Amino acid sequence: MDEKISPEVQRLAAQLQQQQQQLRNISLQKQSFSYQKVEIENALEELKNVKDDEEVFKVVGPILIKKSKEEIEKELRNALDRIDGSLKMIEMGEEKLKESVLKNQEKVEKLLRGENTEDKK
């Protein structure tokens, strides 16, 4: 029995490996954005405990900058909106990639089944 794998199966297998690496990268991106989102949500929650006339500071690089509570809340909400948008885009890309992976897996399985039946003839 000849154990050669067709170039098409090899190509699809390589593509699957690449797609799986892309899925791992997407997972890391989602994890990073999710962490940032939690941090911003925690900061917004803490700001609820601050009176409107109290001093609030924002870390910018190695320095602290005094800002109004309202300004910081606005900046944090804008950042949260951007992160939510990024997460949605990442999740859409992830779904498309998962669909492509499934299709390629099915193609490989079909091709391998076809090769195995030809080998038995």
C-alpha atoms as a PDB file:
ATOM      1  CA  MET A   1       0.000   0.000   0.000  1.00  0.00           C
ATOM      2  CA  ASP A   2       1.401   3.353  -1.059  1.00  0.00           C
ATOM      3  CA  GLU A   3       1.280   5.923   1.819  1.00  0.00           C
ATOM      4  CA  LYS A   4       1.795   9.056  -0.310  1.00  0.00           C
ATOM      5  CA  ILE A   5      -0.307  12.086   0.537  1.00  0.00           C
ATOM      6  CA  SER A   6      -1.521  14.143  -2.373  1.00  0.00           C
ATOM      7  CA  PRO A   7      -0.248  17.704  -2.846  1.00  0.00           C
ATOM      8  CA  GLU A   8      -3.817  18.958  -2.341  1.00  0.00           C
ATOM      9  CA  VAL A   9      -4.042  17.306   1.100  1.00  0.00           C
ATOM     10  CA  GLN A  10      -0.602  18.642   1.994  1.00  0.00           C
ATOM     11  CA  ARG A  11      -1.635  22.145   0.933  1.00  0.00           C
ATOM     12  CA  LEU A  12      -4.855  21.980   2.938  1.00  0.00           C
ATOM     13  CA  ALA A  13      -3.026  20.588   5.973  1.00  0.00           C
ATOM     14  CA  ALA A  14      -0.542  23.467   5.826  1.00  0.00           C
ATOM     15  CA  GLN A  15      -3.412  25.921   5.474  1.00  0.00           C
ATOM     16  CA  LEU A  16      -5.136  24.347   8.488  1.00  0.00           C
ATOM     17  CA  GLN A  17      -1.998  24.732  10.579  1.00  0.00           C
ATOM     18  CA  GLN A  18      -1.779  28.375   9.581  1.00  0.00           C
ATOM     19  CA  GLN A  19      -5.455  28.929  10.410  1.00  0.00           C
ATOM     20  CA  GLN A  20      -5.039  27.261  13.802  1.00  0.00           C
ATOM     21  CA  GLN A  21      -2.153  29.612  14.569  1.00  0.00           C
ATOM     22  CA  GLN A  22      -4.351  32.539  13.531  1.00  0.00           C
ATOM     23  CA  LEU A  23      -7.060  31.291  15.908  1.00  0.00           C
ATOM     24  CA  ARG A  24      -4.508  31.174  18.744  1.00  0.00           C
ATOM     25  CA  ASN A  25      -3.460  34.747  17.923  1.00  0.00           C
ATOM     26  CA  ILE A  26      -7.081  35.865  17.882  1.00  0.00           C
ATOM     27  CA  SER A  27      -7.608  34.230  21.250  1.00  0.00           C
ATOM     28  CA  LEU A  28      -4.670  36.186  22.673  1.00  0.00           C
ATOM     29  CA  GLN A  29      -6.038  39.434  21.218  1.00  0.00           C
ATOM     30  CA  LYS A  30      -9.469  38.760  22.712  1.00  0.00           C
ATOM     31  CA  GLN A  31      -7.877  38.010  26.051  1.00  0.00           C
ATOM     32  CA  SER A  32      -5.924  41.270  25.964  1.00  0.00           C
ATOM     33  CA  PHE A  33      -8.964  43.371  25.042  1.00  0.00           C
ATOM     34  CA  SER A  34     -11.088  41.598  27.638  1.00  0.00           C
ATOM     35  CA  TYR A  35      -8.501  42.393  30.299  1.00  0.00           C
ATOM     36  CA  GLN A  36      -8.460  46.057  29.239  1.00  0.00           C
ATOM     37  CA  LYS A  37     -12.261  46.125  29.311  1.00  0.00           C
ATOM     38  CA  VAL A  38     -12.353  44.773  32.878  1.00  0.00           C
ATOM     39  CA  GLU A  39      -9.762  47.348  33.955  1.00  0.00           C
ATOM     40  CA  ILE A  40     -11.799  50.202  32.484  1.00  0.00           C
ATOM     41  CA  GLU A  41     -15.035  48.905  33.978  1.00  0.00           C
ATOM     42  CA  ASN A  42     -13.320  48.694  37.385  1.00  0.00           C
ATOM     43  CA  ALA A  43     -12.032  52.250  37.011  1.00  0.00           C
ATOM     44  CA  LEU A  44     -15.516  53.508  36.104  1.00  0.00           C
ATOM     45  CA  GLU A  45     -16.930  51.689  39.115  1.00  0.00           C
ATOM     46  CA  GLU A  46     -14.345  53.312  41.390  1.00  0.00           C
ATOM     47  CA  LEU A  47     -15.158  56.738  39.964  1.00  0.00           C
ATOM     48  CA  LYS A  48     -18.726  56.312  41.215  1.00  0.00           C
ATOM     49  CA  ASN A  49     -17.316  56.562  44.745  1.00  0.00           C
ATOM     50  CA  VAL A  50     -15.592  59.871  43.982  1.00  0.00           C
ATOM     51  CA  LYS A  51     -17.438  63.103  44.644  1.00  0.00           C
ATOM     52  CA  ASP A  52     -17.717  65.474  41.690  1.00  0.00           C
ATOM     53  CA  ASP A  53     -15.567  68.131  43.396  1.00  0.00           C
ATOM     54  CA  GLU A  54     -12.764  65.746  44.455  1.00  0.00           C
ATOM     55  CA  GLU A  55      -9.429  65.718  42.657  1.00  0.00           C
ATOM     56  CA  VAL A  56      -8.935  62.922  40.137  1.00  0.00           C
ATOM     57  CA  PHE A  57      -5.677  62.042  38.420  1.00  0.00           C
ATOM     58  CA  LYS A  58      -4.906  60.148  35.255  1.00  0.00           C
ATOM     59  CA  VAL A  59      -1.677  58.242  34.662  1.00  0.00           C
ATOM     60  CA  VAL A  60      -0.002  59.307  31.423  1.00  0.00           C
ATOM     61  CA  GLY A  61       3.311  57.576  30.993  1.00  0.00           C
ATOM     62  CA  PRO A  62       5.419  58.265  34.080  1.00  0.00           C
ATOM     63  CA  ILE A  63       3.319  61.242  35.273  1.00  0.00           C
ATOM     64  CA  LEU A  64      -0.072  61.952  36.823  1.00  0.00           C
ATOM     65  CA  ILE A  65      -2.309  64.584  35.263  1.00  0.00           C
ATOM     66  CA  LYS A  66      -5.128  66.248  37.165  1.00  0.00           C
ATOM     67  CA  LYS A  67      -8.443  66.065  35.335  1.00  0.00           C
ATOM     68  CA  SER A  68     -12.068  66.474  36.211  1.00  0.00           C
ATOM     69  CA  LYS A  69     -14.058  63.389  37.115  1.00  0.00           C
ATOM     70  CA  GLU A  70     -16.320  64.110  34.146  1.00  0.00           C
ATOM     71  CA  GLU A  71     -13.391  64.225  31.676  1.00  0.00           C
ATOM     72  CA  ILE A  72     -11.948  60.966  32.925  1.00  0.00           C
ATOM     73  CA  GLU A  73     -15.348  59.235  32.834  1.00  0.00           C
ATOM     74  CA  LYS A  74     -15.822  60.426  29.252  1.00  0.00           C
ATOM     75  CA  GLU A  75     -12.367  59.178  28.220  1.00  0.00           C
ATOM     76  CA  LEU A  76     -12.957  55.824  29.897  1.00  0.00           C
ATOM     77  CA  ARG A  77     -16.372  55.392  28.249  1.00  0.00           C
ATOM     78  CA  ASN A  78     -14.852  56.227  24.849  1.00  0.00           C
ATOM     79  CA  ALA A  79     -12.084  53.696  25.452  1.00  0.00           C
ATOM     80  CA  LEU A  80     -14.688  51.123  26.481  1.00  0.00           C
ATOM     81  CA  ASP A  81     -16.650  51.763  23.280  1.00  0.00           C
ATOM     82  CA  ARG A  82     -13.489  51.301  21.189  1.00  0.00           C
ATOM     83  CA  ILE A  83     -12.644  48.067  22.965  1.00  0.00           C
ATOM     84  CA  ASP A  84     -16.191  46.754  22.526  1.00  0.00           C
ATOM     85  CA  GLY A  85     -16.000  47.565  18.814  1.00  0.00           C
ATOM     86  CA  SER A  86     -12.635  45.864  18.506  1.00  0.00           C
ATOM     87  CA  LEU A  87     -13.911  42.784  20.322  1.00  0.00           C
ATOM     88  CA  LYS A  88     -16.893  42.559  17.975  1.00  0.00           C
ATOM     89  CA  MET A  89     -14.639  42.794  14.924  1.00  0.00           C
ATOM     90  CA  ILE A  90     -12.270  40.173  16.329  1.00  0.00           C
ATOM     91  CA  GLU A  91     -15.168  37.837  17.120  1.00  0.00           C
ATOM     92  CA  MET A  92     -16.582  38.229  13.604  1.00  0.00           C
ATOM     93  CA  GLY A  93     -13.188  37.391  12.117  1.00  0.00           C
ATOM     94  CA  GLU A  94     -12.862  34.465  14.479  1.00  0.00           C
ATOM     95  CA  GLU A  95     -16.215  33.039  13.392  1.00  0.00           C
ATOM     96  CA  LYS A  96     -15.302  33.298   9.708  1.00  0.00           C
ATOM     97  CA  LEU A  97     -11.959  31.659  10.371  1.00  0.00           C
ATOM     98  CA  LYS A  98     -13.596  28.833  12.340  1.00  0.00           C
ATOM     99  CA  GLU A  99     -15.996  28.225   9.435  1.00  0.00           C
ATOM    100  CA  SER A 100     -13.057  28.089   7.035  1.00  0.00           C
ATOM    101  CA  VAL A 101     -11.215  25.661   9.311  1.00  0.00           C
ATOM    102  CA  LEU A 102     -14.245  23.356   9.403  1.00  0.00           C
ATOM    103  CA  LYS A 103     -14.575  23.439   5.617  1.00  0.00           C
ATOM    104  CA  ASN A 104     -10.882  22.672   5.162  1.00  0.00           C
ATOM    105  CA  GLN A 105     -11.040  19.843   7.694  1.00  0.00           C
ATOM    106  CA  GLU A 106     -13.980  18.346   5.819  1.00  0.00           C
ATOM    107  CA  LYS A 107     -12.096  18.653   2.513  1.00  0.00           C
ATOM    108  CA  VAL A 108      -9.044  16.919   3.968  1.00  0.00           C
ATOM    109  CA  GLU A 109     -11.155  14.113   5.422  1.00  0.00           C
ATOM    110  CA  LYS A 110     -12.987  13.676   2.124  1.00  0.00           C
ATOM    111  CA  LEU A 111      -9.735  13.630   0.154  1.00  0.00           C
ATOM    112  CA  LEU A 112      -8.144  11.161   2.574  1.00  0.00           C
ATOM    113  CA  ARG A 113     -11.163   8.854   2.407  1.00  0.00           C
ATOM    114  CA  GLY A 114     -10.995   9.055  -1.372  1.00  0.00           C
ATOM    115  CA  GLU A 115      -7.273   8.240  -1.372  1.00  0.00           C
ATOM    116  CA  ASN A 116      -7.751   5.336   1.014  1.00  0.00           C
ATOM    117  CA  THR A 117     -10.443   3.759  -1.160  1.00  0.00           C
ATOM    118  CA  GLU A 118      -8.223   4.176  -4.238  1.00  0.00           C
ATOM    119  CA  ASP A 119      -5.318   2.508  -2.401  1.00  0.00           C
ATOM    120  CA  LYS A 120      -7.488  -0.531  -1.643  1.00  0.00           C
ATOM    121  CA  LYS A 121      -8.398  -1.065  -5.298  1.00  0.00           C
END
